[in-house]
Amino acid sequence: MKMVNPKGEAVYYNIVEKDGHFRYIVKGIGSTTIKGRDRQRLKSRTFTQQAQAEGYLRRNGFICV
């Protein structure tokens, strides 16, 4: 699912199953970077819980397009 925030940054939010567990992946589109746990700039970030991924997207203002 493609999501955009008011700044114009865009990410893909995908749910995948790996080794019998669900993973929630947020991946930046183009020059968009994702903030990691220690504020490092990443191209993608994997969450193990859906609430964590949705909280990250909500805090950064991303909405579904």
N, C-alpha and C. Protein backbone atom coordinates (compact mmCIF):
# COMPACT_ATOMS: atom_id res chain seq x y z
N MET A 1 0.85 -1.16 0.00
CA MET A 1 0.00 0.00 0.00
C MET A 1 0.90 1.23 0.00
N LYS A 2 0.58 2.19 -0.85
CA LYS A 2 1.36 3.42 -0.95
C LYS A 2 0.80 4.44 0.01
N MET A 3 1.70 5.11 0.75
CA MET A 3 1.28 6.13 1.72
C MET A 3 2.13 7.38 1.53
N VAL A 4 1.52 8.55 1.76
CA VAL A 4 2.20 9.83 1.58
C VAL A 4 1.93 10.70 2.81
N ASN A 5 2.92 11.53 3.20
CA ASN A 5 2.71 12.46 4.30
C ASN A 5 2.61 13.89 3.75
N PRO A 6 2.24 14.87 4.58
CA PRO A 6 2.08 16.26 4.09
C PRO A 6 3.35 16.87 3.50
N LYS A 7 4.52 16.37 3.85
CA LYS A 7 5.78 16.89 3.31
C LYS A 7 6.03 16.42 1.88
N GLY A 8 5.23 15.45 1.41
CA GLY A 8 5.42 14.91 0.07
C GLY A 8 6.26 13.65 0.03
N GLU A 9 6.69 13.16 1.17
CA GLU A 9 7.46 11.92 1.22
C GLU A 9 6.50 10.75 1.05
N ALA A 10 6.98 9.70 0.37
CA ALA A 10 6.12 8.55 0.10
C ALA A 10 6.80 7.25 0.54
N VAL A 11 6.01 6.30 1.02
CA VAL A 11 6.51 4.99 1.44
C VAL A 11 5.54 3.92 0.98
N TYR A 12 6.08 2.69 0.89
CA TYR A 12 5.25 1.51 0.71
C TYR A 12 5.14 0.82 2.06
N TYR A 13 3.95 0.35 2.39
CA TYR A 13 3.71 -0.40 3.63
C TYR A 13 3.20 -1.77 3.23
N ASN A 14 3.97 -2.82 3.51
CA ASN A 14 3.62 -4.17 3.10
C ASN A 14 3.63 -5.11 4.29
N ILE A 15 2.74 -6.10 4.23
CA ILE A 15 2.71 -7.16 5.24
C ILE A 15 3.14 -8.44 4.53
N VAL A 16 4.18 -9.09 5.05
CA VAL A 16 4.68 -10.33 4.46
C VAL A 16 4.76 -11.41 5.53
N GLU A 17 4.72 -12.66 5.08
CA GLU A 17 4.87 -13.78 6.00
C GLU A 17 6.24 -14.40 5.76
N LYS A 18 7.02 -14.53 6.83
CA LYS A 18 8.36 -15.09 6.73
C LYS A 18 8.54 -16.08 7.87
N ASP A 19 8.87 -17.31 7.53
CA ASP A 19 9.07 -18.38 8.52
C ASP A 19 7.86 -18.55 9.43
N GLY A 20 6.67 -18.41 8.88
CA GLY A 20 5.45 -18.59 9.66
C GLY A 20 5.05 -17.40 10.52
N HIS A 21 5.77 -16.31 10.44
CA HIS A 21 5.45 -15.11 11.22
C HIS A 21 5.21 -13.94 10.26
N PHE A 22 4.34 -13.05 10.65
CA PHE A 22 4.09 -11.87 9.84
C PHE A 22 5.11 -10.79 10.16
N ARG A 23 5.56 -10.09 9.11
CA ARG A 23 6.48 -8.96 9.24
C ARG A 23 5.83 -7.77 8.55
N TYR A 24 6.06 -6.59 9.09
CA TYR A 24 5.46 -5.36 8.59
C TYR A 24 6.59 -4.47 8.11
N ILE A 25 6.65 -4.22 6.81
CA ILE A 25 7.78 -3.54 6.20
C ILE A 25 7.35 -2.16 5.71
N VAL A 26 8.14 -1.15 6.07
CA VAL A 26 7.95 0.22 5.59
C VAL A 26 9.17 0.54 4.73
N LYS A 27 8.95 0.83 3.45
CA LYS A 27 10.05 1.06 2.52
C LYS A 27 9.88 2.42 1.86
N GLY A 28 10.93 3.23 1.89
CA GLY A 28 10.89 4.56 1.29
C GLY A 28 10.91 4.52 -0.22
N ILE A 29 10.18 5.43 -0.85
CA ILE A 29 10.13 5.54 -2.31
C ILE A 29 10.98 6.73 -2.73
N GLY A 30 11.83 6.52 -3.72
CA GLY A 30 12.68 7.60 -4.22
C GLY A 30 13.72 8.00 -3.19
N SER A 31 13.77 9.28 -2.87
CA SER A 31 14.77 9.78 -1.92
C SER A 31 14.27 9.79 -0.48
N THR A 32 13.10 9.24 -0.23
CA THR A 32 12.53 9.21 1.13
C THR A 32 13.33 8.25 2.00
N THR A 33 13.74 8.71 3.17
CA THR A 33 14.45 7.86 4.11
C THR A 33 13.57 7.61 5.33
N ILE A 34 13.79 6.47 5.95
CA ILE A 34 13.04 6.05 7.12
C ILE A 34 13.96 6.20 8.33
N LYS A 35 13.45 6.74 9.43
CA LYS A 35 14.25 6.87 10.64
C LYS A 35 14.30 5.53 11.36
N GLY A 36 15.51 5.07 11.67
CA GLY A 36 15.68 3.83 12.39
C GLY A 36 15.56 4.05 13.89
N ARG A 37 15.85 3.00 14.66
CA ARG A 37 15.70 3.06 16.11
C ARG A 37 16.62 4.11 16.74
N ASP A 38 17.81 4.27 16.18
CA ASP A 38 18.77 5.23 16.73
C ASP A 38 18.91 6.45 15.84
N ARG A 39 17.81 6.82 15.16
CA ARG A 39 17.74 7.99 14.28
C ARG A 39 18.63 7.88 13.04
N GLN A 40 19.11 6.68 12.71
CA GLN A 40 19.87 6.53 11.48
C GLN A 40 18.90 6.56 10.30
N ARG A 41 19.41 6.92 9.14
CA ARG A 41 18.58 7.01 7.94
C ARG A 41 18.65 5.70 7.18
N LEU A 42 17.50 5.09 6.96
CA LEU A 42 17.42 3.80 6.29
C LEU A 42 16.50 3.89 5.09
N LYS A 43 16.64 2.96 4.14
CA LYS A 43 15.71 2.88 3.00
C LYS A 43 14.48 2.06 3.37
N SER A 44 14.61 1.12 4.31
CA SER A 44 13.45 0.35 4.74
C SER A 44 13.62 -0.07 6.19
N ARG A 45 12.50 -0.40 6.81
CA ARG A 45 12.51 -0.81 8.20
C ARG A 45 11.47 -1.90 8.39
N THR A 46 11.83 -2.94 9.14
CA THR A 46 10.95 -4.07 9.38
C THR A 46 10.48 -4.05 10.82
N PHE A 47 9.18 -4.21 11.01
CA PHE A 47 8.58 -4.28 12.34
C PHE A 47 8.03 -5.68 12.55
N THR A 48 8.03 -6.17 13.78
CA THR A 48 7.49 -7.49 14.07
C THR A 48 6.05 -7.42 14.54
N GLN A 49 5.60 -6.25 14.95
CA GLN A 49 4.23 -6.10 15.42
C GLN A 49 3.52 -5.01 14.59
N GLN A 50 2.28 -5.29 14.25
CA GLN A 50 1.52 -4.36 13.42
C GLN A 50 1.30 -3.02 14.12
N ALA A 51 1.08 -3.04 15.42
CA ALA A 51 0.85 -1.79 16.15
C ALA A 51 2.07 -0.88 16.10
N GLN A 52 3.26 -1.46 16.11
CA GLN A 52 4.48 -0.66 16.02
C GLN A 52 4.59 0.02 14.66
N ALA A 53 4.33 -0.72 13.60
CA ALA A 53 4.41 -0.17 12.25
C ALA A 53 3.37 0.93 12.04
N GLU A 54 2.13 0.66 12.48
CA GLU A 54 1.08 1.66 12.32
C GLU A 54 1.35 2.89 13.17
N GLY A 55 1.92 2.72 14.35
CA GLY A 55 2.28 3.85 15.19
C GLY A 55 3.35 4.71 14.54
N TYR A 56 4.35 4.06 13.92
CA TYR A 56 5.40 4.79 13.22
C TYR A 56 4.80 5.63 12.09
N LEU A 57 3.92 5.01 11.29
CA LEU A 57 3.30 5.72 10.17
C LEU A 57 2.43 6.88 10.66
N ARG A 58 1.71 6.67 11.74
CA ARG A 58 0.84 7.72 12.30
C ARG A 58 1.66 8.88 12.83
N ARG A 59 2.75 8.59 13.56
CA ARG A 59 3.60 9.65 14.12
C ARG A 59 4.23 10.52 13.03
N ASN A 60 4.53 9.91 11.89
CA ASN A 60 5.17 10.64 10.79
C ASN A 60 4.18 11.19 9.78
N GLY A 61 2.89 11.06 10.06
CA GLY A 61 1.86 11.71 9.24
C GLY A 61 1.54 11.03 7.92
N PHE A 62 1.87 9.76 7.75
CA PHE A 62 1.59 9.07 6.50
C PHE A 62 0.13 8.64 6.44
N ILE A 63 -0.51 8.90 5.29
CA ILE A 63 -1.89 8.46 5.07
C ILE A 63 -1.94 7.69 3.75
N CYS A 64 -2.92 6.83 3.61
CA CYS A 64 -3.09 6.01 2.42
C CYS A 64 -3.52 6.87 1.25
N VAL A 65 -2.96 6.58 0.07
CA VAL A 65 -3.30 7.34 -1.14
C VAL A 65 -4.24 6.50 -1.99
